[in-house]
């Protein structure tokens, strides 16, 4: 028997999921859309066209990921007392941010960088444990709603606490950090304010949808339809 491969596409997601990604892109590009902006959007191409039309910054044909790398390298050098020449794209963050003072140093790094990028997270086993606890809390509604509600509240605060004390690196190399920073803080990381490399708009949108929704980039075509189309 041939195994059926479950392929994730845009139409697997509801409007709320798509909205969460759009909000991230708004923040990254420094935009603010009206609530009715996407009312007639049916395809991925429609959505991309709206972003490209709304981004009216002056066009500069320079590489934003390269600029992100230079700023990240400088921030690491100053906060970690490391010579810039020793920091390359493939440098491992585990070596640049030792675990014993990692949270303090990442805060200093972000302050110097001038924009927020999530570097630290919590281990997978913590996420799994909290997830199981949340599911058990939902099941508990069939027996005692008070216990169930307490479990859900506990799971919620556990995630908050884990996020504040976790020391696990969300990315592994300087290259990955530069890519993450560019994707999440495109406008902030640009060397010159209110500028854009228009050739990078579409790839940034595709990368964000692909990573956040776990969709292969090959399926993020202009004709790819949303669930409500």
N, C-alpha and C. Protein backbone atom coordinates (compact mmCIF):
# COMPACT_ATOMS: atom_id res chain seq x y z
N UNK A 1 0.85 -1.20 0.00
CA UNK A 1 0.00 0.00 0.00
C UNK A 1 0.88 1.25 0.00
N UNK A 2 0.57 2.20 -0.85
CA UNK A 2 1.34 3.43 -0.94
C UNK A 2 0.94 4.40 0.15
N UNK A 3 1.90 4.91 0.88
CA UNK A 3 1.60 5.88 1.95
C UNK A 3 1.12 7.18 1.34
N UNK A 4 0.10 7.77 1.96
CA UNK A 4 -0.42 9.06 1.53
C UNK A 4 0.30 10.15 2.30
N UNK A 5 0.96 11.04 1.59
CA UNK A 5 1.71 12.12 2.22
C UNK A 5 0.78 13.31 2.42
N UNK A 6 0.66 13.75 3.64
CA UNK A 6 -0.18 14.90 3.97
C UNK A 6 0.60 16.18 3.71
N UNK A 7 0.18 16.93 2.71
CA UNK A 7 0.88 18.16 2.33
C UNK A 7 0.12 19.36 2.88
N UNK A 8 0.82 20.19 3.62
CA UNK A 8 0.20 21.38 4.19
C UNK A 8 0.20 22.51 3.17
N UNK A 9 -0.98 23.10 2.97
CA UNK A 9 -1.11 24.21 2.03
C UNK A 9 -1.88 25.35 2.71
N UNK A 10 -1.97 26.47 2.01
CA UNK A 10 -2.64 27.65 2.57
C UNK A 10 -4.07 27.36 2.97
N UNK A 11 -4.79 26.58 2.15
CA UNK A 11 -6.21 26.35 2.44
C UNK A 11 -6.45 25.41 3.62
N UNK A 12 -5.36 24.94 4.24
CA UNK A 12 -5.51 24.17 5.48
C UNK A 12 -5.72 25.07 6.69
N UNK A 13 -5.50 26.38 6.51
CA UNK A 13 -5.54 27.30 7.64
C UNK A 13 -6.75 28.24 7.58
N UNK A 14 -7.26 28.55 8.76
CA UNK A 14 -8.39 29.46 8.87
C UNK A 14 -7.90 30.91 8.83
N UNK A 15 -8.85 31.83 8.71
CA UNK A 15 -8.53 33.25 8.58
C UNK A 15 -7.72 33.76 9.78
N UNK A 16 -8.00 33.23 10.98
CA UNK A 16 -7.29 33.68 12.17
C UNK A 16 -5.80 33.35 12.09
N UNK A 17 -5.48 32.17 11.57
CA UNK A 17 -4.08 31.77 11.42
C UNK A 17 -3.35 32.66 10.43
N UNK A 18 -4.02 32.94 9.30
CA UNK A 18 -3.44 33.82 8.29
C UNK A 18 -3.27 35.23 8.86
N UNK A 19 -4.25 35.65 9.64
CA UNK A 19 -4.19 36.98 10.25
C UNK A 19 -2.99 37.15 11.16
N UNK A 20 -2.64 36.10 11.89
CA UNK A 20 -1.48 36.16 12.78
C UNK A 20 -0.19 36.41 11.99
N UNK A 21 -0.07 35.76 10.82
CA UNK A 21 1.12 35.95 9.99
C UNK A 21 1.13 37.35 9.40
N UNK A 22 -0.03 37.84 8.98
CA UNK A 22 -0.13 39.18 8.42
C UNK A 22 0.29 40.23 9.45
N UNK A 23 -0.10 40.03 10.70
CA UNK A 23 0.29 40.97 11.77
C UNK A 23 1.80 41.00 11.93
N UNK A 24 2.44 39.83 11.86
CA UNK A 24 3.90 39.77 11.95
C UNK A 24 4.55 40.53 10.80
N UNK A 25 3.99 40.38 9.61
CA UNK A 25 4.54 41.07 8.44
C UNK A 25 4.30 42.58 8.54
N UNK A 26 3.16 42.97 9.06
CA UNK A 26 2.90 44.40 9.30
C UNK A 26 3.99 45.00 10.17
N UNK A 27 4.27 44.32 11.28
CA UNK A 27 5.29 44.80 12.20
C UNK A 27 6.65 44.85 11.53
N UNK A 28 6.98 43.81 10.79
CA UNK A 28 8.30 43.73 10.16
C UNK A 28 8.51 44.86 9.16
N UNK A 29 7.49 45.15 8.36
CA UNK A 29 7.62 46.18 7.33
C UNK A 29 7.20 47.57 7.82
N UNK A 30 6.78 47.67 9.08
CA UNK A 30 6.39 48.97 9.62
C UNK A 30 5.11 49.50 9.01
N UNK A 31 4.12 48.62 8.84
CA UNK A 31 2.85 49.00 8.22
C UNK A 31 1.72 48.90 9.22
N UNK A 32 0.58 49.50 8.88
CA UNK A 32 -0.64 49.35 9.66
C UNK A 32 -1.81 49.35 8.69
N UNK A 33 -2.44 48.18 8.55
CA UNK A 33 -3.53 48.04 7.59
C UNK A 33 -4.88 48.33 8.23
N UNK A 34 -5.79 48.85 7.42
CA UNK A 34 -7.18 48.98 7.83
C UNK A 34 -7.80 47.59 7.92
N UNK A 35 -8.79 47.43 8.77
CA UNK A 35 -9.38 46.10 9.01
C UNK A 35 -10.04 45.52 7.76
N UNK A 36 -10.38 46.36 6.80
CA UNK A 36 -11.03 45.88 5.57
C UNK A 36 -10.07 45.74 4.39
N UNK A 37 -8.78 45.91 4.65
CA UNK A 37 -7.80 45.90 3.56
C UNK A 37 -7.81 44.59 2.79
N UNK A 38 -7.98 43.48 3.49
CA UNK A 38 -7.85 42.17 2.85
C UNK A 38 -9.19 41.50 2.57
N UNK A 39 -10.26 42.29 2.58
CA UNK A 39 -11.60 41.72 2.46
C UNK A 39 -11.83 40.98 1.13
N UNK A 40 -11.15 41.42 0.07
CA UNK A 40 -11.35 40.80 -1.24
C UNK A 40 -10.21 39.85 -1.64
N UNK A 41 -9.33 39.58 -0.70
CA UNK A 41 -8.20 38.70 -0.99
C UNK A 41 -8.66 37.25 -1.08
N UNK A 42 -8.31 36.59 -2.16
CA UNK A 42 -8.66 35.18 -2.37
C UNK A 42 -7.43 34.29 -2.53
N UNK A 43 -6.36 34.87 -3.05
CA UNK A 43 -5.16 34.08 -3.32
C UNK A 43 -3.93 34.70 -2.65
N UNK A 44 -2.88 33.92 -2.61
CA UNK A 44 -1.63 34.40 -2.04
C UNK A 44 -1.10 35.59 -2.84
N UNK A 45 -1.29 35.55 -4.15
CA UNK A 45 -0.87 36.66 -5.00
C UNK A 45 -1.59 37.94 -4.67
N UNK A 46 -2.89 37.85 -4.37
CA UNK A 46 -3.66 39.03 -3.98
C UNK A 46 -3.06 39.67 -2.73
N UNK A 47 -2.72 38.83 -1.75
CA UNK A 47 -2.16 39.34 -0.50
C UNK A 47 -0.81 40.00 -0.72
N UNK A 48 0.04 39.36 -1.52
CA UNK A 48 1.37 39.92 -1.80
C UNK A 48 1.26 41.25 -2.52
N UNK A 49 0.31 41.36 -3.44
CA UNK A 49 0.12 42.62 -4.18
C UNK A 49 -0.22 43.76 -3.24
N UNK A 50 -1.03 43.49 -2.21
CA UNK A 50 -1.40 44.53 -1.26
C UNK A 50 -0.18 45.00 -0.49
N UNK A 51 0.64 44.08 -0.04
CA UNK A 51 1.85 44.47 0.68
C UNK A 51 2.77 45.31 -0.22
N UNK A 52 2.97 44.87 -1.44
CA UNK A 52 3.88 45.59 -2.33
C UNK A 52 3.33 46.98 -2.67
N UNK A 53 2.00 47.11 -2.72
CA UNK A 53 1.41 48.42 -3.01
C UNK A 53 1.50 49.36 -1.81
N UNK A 54 1.42 48.79 -0.60
CA UNK A 54 1.42 49.61 0.62
C UNK A 54 2.82 50.03 1.04
N UNK A 55 3.83 49.27 0.62
CA UNK A 55 5.21 49.62 0.99
C UNK A 55 5.73 50.64 -0.02
N UNK A 56 5.69 51.89 0.37
CA UNK A 56 6.03 52.99 -0.54
C UNK A 56 7.36 53.66 -0.20
N UNK A 57 8.18 52.98 0.60
CA UNK A 57 9.47 53.55 0.96
C UNK A 57 10.35 53.71 -0.28
N UNK A 58 11.36 54.56 -0.16
CA UNK A 58 12.32 54.74 -1.24
C UNK A 58 13.08 53.44 -1.49
N UNK A 59 13.25 53.10 -2.75
CA UNK A 59 13.92 51.85 -3.10
C UNK A 59 15.43 52.01 -3.10
N UNK A 60 16.10 51.12 -2.35
CA UNK A 60 17.56 51.03 -2.35
C UNK A 60 17.94 49.58 -2.64
N UNK A 61 18.71 49.36 -3.67
CA UNK A 61 19.07 47.99 -4.05
C UNK A 61 20.25 47.46 -3.25
N UNK A 62 20.09 47.43 -1.92
CA UNK A 62 21.14 46.85 -1.08
C UNK A 62 20.54 45.68 -0.29
N UNK A 63 21.40 44.81 0.18
CA UNK A 63 20.98 43.57 0.82
C UNK A 63 20.69 43.77 2.31
N UNK A 64 19.47 43.53 2.71
CA UNK A 64 19.08 43.73 4.11
C UNK A 64 19.69 42.68 5.03
N UNK A 65 19.81 41.44 4.54
CA UNK A 65 20.42 40.39 5.37
C UNK A 65 21.88 40.71 5.66
N UNK A 66 22.55 41.31 4.69
CA UNK A 66 23.95 41.71 4.89
C UNK A 66 24.03 42.80 5.94
N UNK A 67 23.12 43.78 5.86
CA UNK A 67 23.09 44.85 6.85
C UNK A 67 22.78 44.29 8.24
N UNK A 68 21.88 43.30 8.30
CA UNK A 68 21.55 42.67 9.57
C UNK A 68 22.79 41.99 10.15
N UNK A 69 23.55 41.31 9.31
CA UNK A 69 24.76 40.64 9.77
C UNK A 69 25.75 41.63 10.36
N UNK A 70 25.97 42.76 9.68
CA UNK A 70 26.92 43.75 10.16
C UNK A 70 26.50 44.30 11.52
N UNK A 71 25.20 44.58 11.68
CA UNK A 71 24.71 45.12 12.95
C UNK A 71 24.76 44.07 14.06
N UNK A 72 24.43 42.85 13.72
CA UNK A 72 24.51 41.76 14.70
C UNK A 72 25.95 41.52 15.13
N UNK A 73 26.86 41.53 14.17
CA UNK A 73 28.28 41.32 14.47
C UNK A 73 28.79 42.41 15.41
N UNK A 74 28.43 43.65 15.12
CA UNK A 74 28.87 44.76 15.97
C UNK A 74 28.29 44.63 17.38
N UNK A 75 26.99 44.28 17.47
CA UNK A 75 26.35 44.17 18.78
C UNK A 75 26.96 43.04 19.60
N UNK A 76 27.25 41.92 18.97
CA UNK A 76 27.88 40.80 19.68
C UNK A 76 29.29 41.18 20.13
N UNK A 77 30.01 41.83 19.24
CA UNK A 77 31.38 42.23 19.55
C UNK A 77 31.44 43.13 20.78
N UNK A 78 30.56 44.11 20.84
CA UNK A 78 30.58 45.08 21.93
C UNK A 78 30.09 44.50 23.25
N UNK A 79 29.07 43.63 23.18
CA UNK A 79 28.49 43.10 24.41
C UNK A 79 29.23 41.87 24.93
N UNK A 80 29.91 41.16 24.03
CA UNK A 80 30.61 39.95 24.44
C UNK A 80 32.13 40.12 24.45
N UNK A 81 32.58 41.33 24.09
CA UNK A 81 34.02 41.61 24.06
C UNK A 81 34.77 40.62 23.15
N UNK A 82 34.23 40.46 21.94
CA UNK A 82 34.83 39.58 20.94
C UNK A 82 35.22 40.41 19.73
N UNK A 83 36.40 40.18 19.20
CA UNK A 83 36.84 40.90 18.00
C UNK A 83 35.89 40.61 16.85
N UNK A 84 35.47 41.66 16.12
CA UNK A 84 34.53 41.47 15.02
C UNK A 84 35.05 40.50 13.97
N UNK A 85 36.34 40.48 13.76
CA UNK A 85 36.91 39.62 12.73
C UNK A 85 36.71 38.14 13.05
N UNK A 86 36.44 37.83 14.31
CA UNK A 86 36.24 36.44 14.73
C UNK A 86 34.78 36.00 14.57
N UNK A 87 33.90 36.94 14.25
CA UNK A 87 32.47 36.64 14.13
C UNK A 87 32.12 36.53 12.64
N UNK A 88 31.79 35.34 12.21
CA UNK A 88 31.42 35.10 10.81
C UNK A 88 30.01 34.53 10.76
N UNK A 89 29.50 34.37 9.54
CA UNK A 89 28.13 33.89 9.38
C UNK A 89 27.90 32.53 10.01
N UNK A 90 28.90 31.67 9.94
CA UNK A 90 28.74 30.32 10.47
C UNK A 90 29.15 30.19 11.94
N UNK A 91 29.48 31.30 12.59
CA UNK A 91 29.80 31.26 14.01
C UNK A 91 28.59 30.72 14.79
N UNK A 92 28.85 29.83 15.74
CA UNK A 92 27.78 29.23 16.52
C UNK A 92 27.43 30.10 17.72
N UNK A 93 26.14 30.37 17.88
CA UNK A 93 25.69 31.22 18.98
C UNK A 93 25.98 30.59 20.33
N UNK A 94 26.03 29.28 20.38
CA UNK A 94 26.33 28.61 21.64
C UNK A 94 27.73 28.98 22.16
N UNK A 95 28.63 29.32 21.23
CA UNK A 95 29.98 29.74 21.60
C UNK A 95 30.03 31.24 21.93
N UNK A 96 29.17 32.00 21.28
CA UNK A 96 29.17 33.46 21.47
C UNK A 96 28.38 33.88 22.71
N UNK A 97 27.39 33.06 23.08
CA UNK A 97 26.57 33.37 24.26
C UNK A 97 26.62 32.19 25.23
N UNK A 98 27.66 32.14 26.09
CA UNK A 98 27.79 31.04 27.06
C UNK A 98 26.53 30.93 27.93
N UNK A 99 26.17 29.71 28.29
CA UNK A 99 24.91 29.45 28.98
C UNK A 99 24.82 30.13 30.35
N UNK A 100 25.92 30.25 31.07
CA UNK A 100 25.86 30.72 32.46
C UNK A 100 25.33 32.15 32.58
N UNK A 101 25.57 33.00 31.57
CA UNK A 101 25.05 34.37 31.65
C UNK A 101 24.30 34.75 30.36
N UNK A 102 23.71 33.72 29.74
CA UNK A 102 23.10 33.90 28.42
C UNK A 102 21.95 34.89 28.41
N UNK A 103 21.06 34.82 29.38
CA UNK A 103 19.90 35.71 29.38
C UNK A 103 20.33 37.17 29.51
N UNK A 104 21.25 37.44 30.42
CA UNK A 104 21.73 38.81 30.62
C UNK A 104 22.40 39.33 29.35
N UNK A 105 23.24 38.51 28.74
CA UNK A 105 23.98 38.94 27.57
C UNK A 105 23.08 39.12 26.34
N UNK A 106 22.05 38.31 26.22
CA UNK A 106 21.14 38.49 25.07
C UNK A 106 20.32 39.76 25.22
N UNK A 107 20.00 40.13 26.46
CA UNK A 107 19.30 41.40 26.69
C UNK A 107 20.20 42.56 26.29
N UNK A 108 21.45 42.52 26.71
CA UNK A 108 22.41 43.57 26.35
C UNK A 108 22.59 43.63 24.83
N UNK A 109 22.65 42.46 24.22
CA UNK A 109 22.80 42.38 22.76
C UNK A 109 21.63 43.06 22.06
N UNK A 110 20.41 42.75 22.49
CA UNK A 110 19.23 43.34 21.84
C UNK A 110 19.16 44.84 22.06
N UNK A 111 19.56 45.29 23.24
CA UNK A 111 19.56 46.73 23.51
C UNK A 111 20.49 47.45 22.54
N UNK A 112 21.65 46.86 22.29
CA UNK A 112 22.60 47.49 21.37
C UNK A 112 22.12 47.36 19.93
N UNK A 113 21.52 46.24 19.60
CA UNK A 113 21.03 46.02 18.24
C UNK A 113 19.93 47.03 17.89
N UNK A 114 19.14 47.39 18.89
CA UNK A 114 18.10 48.40 18.68
C UNK A 114 16.79 47.85 18.19
N UNK A 115 16.62 46.52 18.20
CA UNK A 115 15.35 45.92 17.81
C UNK A 115 15.22 44.58 18.51
N UNK A 116 14.00 44.16 18.73
CA UNK A 116 13.75 42.93 19.46
C UNK A 116 13.71 41.73 18.51
N UNK A 117 14.48 40.73 18.84
CA UNK A 117 14.44 39.47 18.10
C UNK A 117 14.56 38.35 19.13
N UNK A 118 13.67 37.40 19.04
CA UNK A 118 13.64 36.32 20.03
C UNK A 118 14.78 35.35 19.79
N UNK A 119 15.74 35.37 20.70
CA UNK A 119 16.91 34.49 20.59
C UNK A 119 16.75 33.25 21.45
N UNK A 120 16.11 33.43 22.61
CA UNK A 120 16.00 32.32 23.56
C UNK A 120 14.60 31.76 23.61
N UNK A 121 14.51 30.46 23.87
CA UNK A 121 13.24 29.79 24.02
C UNK A 121 13.40 28.73 25.12
N UNK A 122 12.48 27.80 25.18
CA UNK A 122 12.59 26.73 26.17
C UNK A 122 12.71 25.39 25.45
N UNK A 123 13.22 24.36 26.12
CA UNK A 123 13.44 23.06 25.48
C UNK A 123 12.15 22.43 24.98
N UNK A 124 12.26 21.56 24.00
CA UNK A 124 11.09 20.88 23.43
C UNK A 124 10.34 20.07 24.48
N UNK A 125 11.07 19.47 25.43
CA UNK A 125 10.40 18.63 26.43
C UNK A 125 9.49 19.47 27.33
N UNK A 126 9.86 20.74 27.54
CA UNK A 126 9.01 21.62 28.34
C UNK A 126 7.71 21.92 27.58
N UNK A 127 7.85 22.22 26.30
CA UNK A 127 6.67 22.49 25.47
C UNK A 127 5.76 21.26 25.43
N UNK A 128 6.35 20.08 25.31
CA UNK A 128 5.57 18.84 25.26
C UNK A 128 4.83 18.61 26.58
N UNK A 129 5.52 18.82 27.69
CA UNK A 129 4.91 18.63 29.01
C UNK A 129 3.74 19.58 29.22
N UNK A 130 3.94 20.84 28.86
CA UNK A 130 2.86 21.83 29.01
C UNK A 130 1.70 21.49 28.09
N UNK A 131 2.02 21.03 26.87
CA UNK A 131 0.97 20.67 25.92
C UNK A 131 0.13 19.51 26.41
N UNK A 132 0.78 18.50 26.98
CA UNK A 132 0.05 17.35 27.52
C UNK A 132 -0.83 17.79 28.69
N UNK A 133 -0.29 18.66 29.53
CA UNK A 133 -1.06 19.17 30.66
C UNK A 133 -2.30 19.92 30.20
N UNK A 134 -2.14 20.70 29.11
CA UNK A 134 -3.28 21.46 28.57
C UNK A 134 -4.36 20.51 28.04
N UNK A 135 -3.95 19.46 27.32
CA UNK A 135 -4.91 18.49 26.78
C UNK A 135 -5.64 17.76 27.90
N UNK A 136 -4.90 17.40 28.94
CA UNK A 136 -5.53 16.73 30.07
C UNK A 136 -6.54 17.66 30.76
N UNK A 137 -6.22 18.95 30.77
CA UNK A 137 -7.15 19.92 31.36
C UNK A 137 -8.45 20.01 30.57
N UNK A 138 -8.33 19.93 29.24
CA UNK A 138 -9.53 19.96 28.40
C UNK A 138 -10.39 18.72 28.65
N UNK A 139 -9.74 17.57 28.80
CA UNK A 139 -10.46 16.33 29.07
C UNK A 139 -11.16 16.41 30.43
N UNK A 140 -10.51 17.10 31.37
CA UNK A 140 -11.05 17.21 32.73
C UNK A 140 -12.38 17.96 32.77
N UNK A 141 -12.73 18.70 31.72
CA UNK A 141 -14.01 19.41 31.68
C UNK A 141 -15.18 18.43 31.76
N UNK A 142 -14.95 17.19 31.34
CA UNK A 142 -16.02 16.20 31.38
C UNK A 142 -16.26 15.69 32.81
N UNK A 143 -15.34 16.02 33.72
CA UNK A 143 -15.45 15.50 35.08
C UNK A 143 -15.60 16.61 36.13
N UNK A 144 -14.78 17.64 36.00
CA UNK A 144 -14.83 18.73 36.99
C UNK A 144 -14.30 20.00 36.34
N UNK A 145 -15.19 20.95 36.07
CA UNK A 145 -14.78 22.15 35.34
C UNK A 145 -13.79 23.01 36.12
N UNK A 146 -13.87 22.94 37.45
CA UNK A 146 -12.95 23.74 38.27
C UNK A 146 -11.51 23.25 38.10
N UNK A 147 -11.34 21.93 38.14
CA UNK A 147 -10.00 21.35 37.95
C UNK A 147 -9.50 21.66 36.54
N UNK A 148 -10.41 21.54 35.57
CA UNK A 148 -10.03 21.80 34.18
C UNK A 148 -9.58 23.24 33.99
N UNK A 149 -10.34 24.18 34.53
CA UNK A 149 -9.99 25.59 34.40
C UNK A 149 -8.68 25.90 35.09
N UNK A 150 -8.46 25.30 36.25
CA UNK A 150 -7.20 25.50 36.97
C UNK A 150 -6.03 25.00 36.15
N UNK A 151 -6.22 23.84 35.50
CA UNK A 151 -5.16 23.27 34.67
C UNK A 151 -4.82 24.15 33.48
N UNK A 152 -5.84 24.73 32.84
CA UNK A 152 -5.62 25.60 31.69
C UNK A 152 -4.88 26.87 32.12
N UNK A 153 -5.29 27.45 33.24
CA UNK A 153 -4.61 28.65 33.76
C UNK A 153 -3.16 28.33 34.10
N UNK A 154 -2.95 27.16 34.73
CA UNK A 154 -1.59 26.76 35.08
C UNK A 154 -0.73 26.59 33.82
N UNK A 155 -1.30 25.99 32.77
CA UNK A 155 -0.57 25.79 31.51
C UNK A 155 -0.20 27.14 30.90
N UNK A 156 -1.13 28.08 30.95
CA UNK A 156 -0.90 29.41 30.38
C UNK A 156 0.27 30.11 31.08
N UNK A 157 0.25 30.10 32.41
CA UNK A 157 1.32 30.77 33.16
C UNK A 157 2.63 30.01 33.05
N UNK A 158 2.56 28.69 32.88
CA UNK A 158 3.78 27.90 32.71
C UNK A 158 4.50 28.30 31.44
N UNK A 159 3.74 28.54 30.36
CA UNK A 159 4.34 28.98 29.09
C UNK A 159 5.00 30.34 29.27
N UNK A 160 4.29 31.25 29.98
CA UNK A 160 4.84 32.58 30.21
C UNK A 160 6.15 32.51 30.99
N UNK A 161 6.16 31.71 32.04
CA UNK A 161 7.36 31.59 32.88
C UNK A 161 8.50 30.94 32.11
N UNK A 162 8.17 29.87 31.36
CA UNK A 162 9.19 29.17 30.58
C UNK A 162 9.84 30.12 29.58
N UNK A 163 9.02 31.00 28.98
CA UNK A 163 9.56 31.95 28.02
C UNK A 163 10.49 32.96 28.65
N UNK A 164 10.26 33.26 29.93
CA UNK A 164 11.08 34.27 30.60
C UNK A 164 12.37 33.70 31.20
N UNK A 165 12.40 32.40 31.45
CA UNK A 165 13.58 31.82 32.10
C UNK A 165 14.35 30.87 31.18
N UNK A 166 13.77 30.55 30.02
CA UNK A 166 14.43 29.62 29.12
C UNK A 166 15.77 30.14 28.60
N UNK A 167 16.71 29.22 28.44
CA UNK A 167 18.04 29.58 27.95
C UNK A 167 18.41 28.83 26.68
N UNK A 168 17.46 28.10 26.10
CA UNK A 168 17.72 27.36 24.88
C UNK A 168 17.72 28.32 23.69
N UNK A 169 18.71 28.21 22.83
CA UNK A 169 18.82 29.11 21.67
C UNK A 169 17.79 28.74 20.61
N UNK A 170 17.08 29.76 20.11
CA UNK A 170 16.06 29.54 19.10
C UNK A 170 16.67 29.30 17.72
N UNK A 171 17.85 29.84 17.48
CA UNK A 171 18.60 29.62 16.24
C UNK A 171 20.03 29.26 16.63
N UNK A 172 20.77 28.67 15.68
CA UNK A 172 22.07 28.10 16.04
C UNK A 172 23.28 28.91 15.57
N UNK A 173 23.15 29.64 14.48
CA UNK A 173 24.30 30.35 13.92
C UNK A 173 23.99 31.82 13.72
N UNK A 174 25.04 32.59 13.49
CA UNK A 174 24.88 34.02 13.20
C UNK A 174 24.09 34.20 11.91
N UNK A 175 24.33 33.34 10.93
CA UNK A 175 23.58 33.42 9.67
C UNK A 175 22.08 33.28 9.92
N UNK A 176 21.71 32.28 10.71
CA UNK A 176 20.29 32.06 11.00
C UNK A 176 19.70 33.23 11.78
N UNK A 177 20.50 33.81 12.67
CA UNK A 177 20.04 34.97 13.43
C UNK A 177 19.82 36.17 12.52
N UNK A 178 20.71 36.37 11.55
CA UNK A 178 20.56 37.48 10.59
C UNK A 178 19.30 37.28 9.74
N UNK A 179 19.04 36.04 9.34
CA UNK A 179 17.85 35.75 8.54
C UNK A 179 16.58 35.96 9.35
N UNK A 180 16.60 35.52 10.59
CA UNK A 180 15.44 35.68 11.48
C UNK A 180 15.17 37.16 11.76
N UNK A 181 16.24 37.91 12.01
CA UNK A 181 16.10 39.33 12.30
C UNK A 181 15.55 40.08 11.09
N UNK A 182 16.03 39.74 9.91
CA UNK A 182 15.55 40.39 8.69
C UNK A 182 14.08 40.10 8.46
N UNK A 183 13.69 38.85 8.69
CA UNK A 183 12.30 38.44 8.47
C UNK A 183 11.36 39.13 9.45
N UNK A 184 11.75 39.23 10.70
CA UNK A 184 10.87 39.73 11.74
C UNK A 184 10.95 41.25 11.95
N UNK A 185 12.06 41.87 11.53
CA UNK A 185 12.28 43.30 11.78
C UNK A 185 12.87 43.98 10.55
N UNK A 186 12.26 43.74 9.41
CA UNK A 186 12.84 44.21 8.15
C UNK A 186 13.14 45.70 8.17
N UNK A 187 12.15 46.52 8.49
CA UNK A 187 12.33 47.98 8.43
C UNK A 187 13.33 48.46 9.48
N UNK A 188 13.27 47.89 10.68
CA UNK A 188 14.14 48.34 11.77
C UNK A 188 15.60 48.04 11.51
N UNK A 189 15.88 46.95 10.80
CA UNK A 189 17.28 46.53 10.63
C UNK A 189 17.94 47.18 9.41
N UNK A 190 17.15 47.88 8.59
CA UNK A 190 17.72 48.55 7.42
C UNK A 190 18.66 49.68 7.85
N UNK A 191 19.74 49.86 7.10
CA UNK A 191 20.72 50.89 7.42
C UNK A 191 20.09 52.27 7.35
N UNK A 192 19.28 52.52 6.34
CA UNK A 192 18.64 53.82 6.14
C UNK A 192 17.14 53.69 6.39
N UNK A 193 16.62 54.51 7.29
CA UNK A 193 15.20 54.45 7.61
C UNK A 193 14.34 54.75 6.39
N UNK A 194 13.14 54.17 6.40
CA UNK A 194 12.15 54.40 5.35
C UNK A 194 12.68 54.06 3.96
N UNK A 195 13.47 52.99 3.89
CA UNK A 195 13.91 52.49 2.58
C UNK A 195 13.56 51.01 2.50
N UNK A 196 13.56 50.50 1.28
CA UNK A 196 13.25 49.09 1.06
C UNK A 196 13.97 48.63 -0.20
N UNK A 197 14.38 47.40 -0.22
CA UNK A 197 14.82 46.77 -1.47
C UNK A 197 13.61 46.01 -1.98
N UNK A 198 12.96 46.52 -3.01
CA UNK A 198 11.70 45.96 -3.45
C UNK A 198 11.84 44.51 -3.91
N UNK A 199 13.03 44.11 -4.30
CA UNK A 199 13.24 42.72 -4.72
C UNK A 199 13.13 41.76 -3.53
N UNK A 200 13.21 42.31 -2.30
CA UNK A 200 13.19 41.45 -1.12
C UNK A 200 11.80 41.30 -0.50
N UNK A 201 10.84 42.09 -0.96
CA UNK A 201 9.51 42.07 -0.34
C UNK A 201 8.86 40.70 -0.48
N UNK A 202 8.74 40.21 -1.70
CA UNK A 202 8.08 38.93 -1.93
C UNK A 202 8.80 37.77 -1.23
N UNK A 203 10.13 37.66 -1.35
CA UNK A 203 10.82 36.57 -0.63
C UNK A 203 10.61 36.61 0.88
N UNK A 204 10.52 37.82 1.45
CA UNK A 204 10.29 37.94 2.89
C UNK A 204 8.89 37.46 3.26
N UNK A 205 7.90 37.79 2.45
CA UNK A 205 6.53 37.33 2.70
C UNK A 205 6.46 35.81 2.59
N UNK A 206 7.07 35.27 1.56
CA UNK A 206 7.07 33.81 1.36
C UNK A 206 7.76 33.10 2.52
N UNK A 207 8.92 33.62 2.92
CA UNK A 207 9.68 33.01 4.01
C UNK A 207 8.89 33.00 5.30
N UNK A 208 8.17 34.09 5.59
CA UNK A 208 7.40 34.20 6.81
C UNK A 208 6.24 33.21 6.82
N UNK A 209 5.50 33.13 5.72
CA UNK A 209 4.39 32.17 5.63
C UNK A 209 4.91 30.74 5.71
N UNK A 210 6.02 30.48 5.05
CA UNK A 210 6.57 29.13 5.02
C UNK A 210 7.01 28.67 6.41
N UNK A 211 7.73 29.52 7.12
CA UNK A 211 8.26 29.14 8.44
C UNK A 211 7.18 29.12 9.51
N UNK A 212 6.26 30.09 9.48
CA UNK A 212 5.24 30.18 10.52
C UNK A 212 4.15 29.13 10.37
N UNK A 213 3.82 28.76 9.14
CA UNK A 213 2.72 27.82 8.91
C UNK A 213 3.20 26.46 8.42
N UNK A 214 4.53 26.30 8.33
CA UNK A 214 5.12 25.02 7.91
C UNK A 214 4.59 24.60 6.54
N UNK A 215 4.64 25.54 5.60
CA UNK A 215 4.21 25.27 4.22
C UNK A 215 5.42 25.30 3.32
N UNK A 216 5.58 24.29 2.49
CA UNK A 216 6.68 24.27 1.52
C UNK A 216 6.54 25.47 0.59
N UNK A 217 7.65 26.16 0.35
CA UNK A 217 7.61 27.36 -0.49
C UNK A 217 7.08 27.07 -1.89
N UNK A 218 7.22 25.84 -2.34
CA UNK A 218 6.74 25.48 -3.69
C UNK A 218 5.23 25.63 -3.80
N UNK A 219 4.53 25.60 -2.66
CA UNK A 219 3.07 25.71 -2.68
C UNK A 219 2.59 27.13 -2.40
N UNK A 220 3.52 28.05 -2.21
CA UNK A 220 3.14 29.45 -2.00
C UNK A 220 3.25 30.20 -3.32
N UNK A 221 2.41 29.83 -4.24
CA UNK A 221 2.37 30.45 -5.56
C UNK A 221 1.32 31.55 -5.59
N UNK A 222 1.33 32.35 -6.63
CA UNK A 222 0.37 33.43 -6.75
C UNK A 222 -1.07 32.91 -6.77
N UNK A 223 -1.26 31.73 -7.34
CA UNK A 223 -2.61 31.18 -7.48
C UNK A 223 -3.06 30.35 -6.27
N UNK A 224 -2.18 30.17 -5.27
CA UNK A 224 -2.54 29.40 -4.09
C UNK A 224 -3.71 30.09 -3.36
N UNK A 225 -4.77 29.33 -3.10
CA UNK A 225 -5.99 29.91 -2.54
C UNK A 225 -6.04 29.75 -1.03
N UNK A 226 -6.68 30.74 -0.40
CA UNK A 226 -6.96 30.65 1.03
C UNK A 226 -8.22 29.84 1.27
N UNK A 227 -8.45 29.41 2.51
CA UNK A 227 -9.58 28.52 2.82
C UNK A 227 -10.94 29.15 2.54
N UNK A 228 -11.02 30.48 2.58
CA UNK A 228 -12.30 31.17 2.39
C UNK A 228 -12.59 31.52 0.92
N UNK A 229 -11.62 31.21 0.05
CA UNK A 229 -11.80 31.58 -1.37
C UNK A 229 -12.85 30.70 -2.06
